[in-house]
Amino acid sequence: MSDTPADLLTVAISSRALFDLEESNSLFEARGIDVYAEHQRSREDDVLEPGIAFPLVRKLLALNEGAPADSPRVEVILLSRNSSDTGLRVFNSIQHHGLAISRATFTSGAPTWPYIKPFGAQLFLSANPESVRGALENGVAAATILPAKAPAHRHDQLRIAFDGDAVIFDDEGERVSQERGIEAFHRHERERAREPLPGGPFRGFLDALHRLQAAYPPGEDSPIRTALVTARSAPAHERVIRTLREWGVRLDEALFLGGRAKGPFLDVFGADIFFDDSLHNIDSARKHVATGHVPHGVSNP
């Protein structure tokens, strides 16, 4: 059991999601652990450049401004497959960039996801798909951070966008759509419009984010803004709206796109990160914003 406070938002992140370690990782894959380890040790004072999730982490940690030092609103945990020896460069870079990250696990190549729950993390971000699947299979919201266009700094707000089916909700709707077609899907949703959708892998993280967001007044003055960006359209919208109402969750924006490409809309929203189960949608989104692939549901056998 975790001793993490119930109202603390905790995010676990891998070193490759936080920093640009692609060159080092390519060296590891091509020449092995010994060459990789020597490479990291010889450069442990060379500061790593920010990775794709770095701006997100900076904004998350900025939510602690004004909070008591012993009672932060957000904590970021580093989970790394480095050894503590080769991970020294990572910690040196954390200190250089002024990130308030003090807790970490270095596993020397072993899986990192088993440590997510003891830390009480509601979300895990990693560049390793195997680690992400392990976390999802054990009930933790997780996403694979993919190379993408780094989001432009247009908002001081933390802006997070979610797909609906197989992310916030389960994949019931996607299964109907893929097996029986779009008309059957719309009929299925109309008939069940007042029946709440079951929760998906990101329901717990959404709840935790909502609890944090609820501490601030709604609107432009809030430091957090959220959006649902879904391929659904009318008449499949009603069940989504009623489900979120039943859950008592606030989402600031809801975009029902009816199959339109999501990337341009996410660009307008200014998402710091977007979570989706579909690689097709991810390919559109990553041209504009940082993205996290959620390998869950019928689209990810």
Foldseek 3Di string as FASTA:
>chain_A
DAPDDPLAAEEEEELVQFFPCPVLVVCCVVPHDVVSLVVLLVCLLPATHGHQCNVLQVLQQVQQVPPDPVDGRYAYEYEYCAAVSSCSSSVNNCVVVPRPHDHYDHNVRDARLVCCVRNPHQEYEYLDVVNQVVNLVVLHHYFHWDQFPRFDPPDSAAEEEEEPDQHQFDPPLVVCCVPPNDVSSQVVQVVCLLPAGHGHSNNSVQVSVQSSQVVDDDDPVGSYAYEHAYLADPPNVRNVVNNCVVVVGDHRYYHHNVPPQCQVVCLVSRHQEYEDQAVVNVVSNRHHHTYTHNQGDPNRD
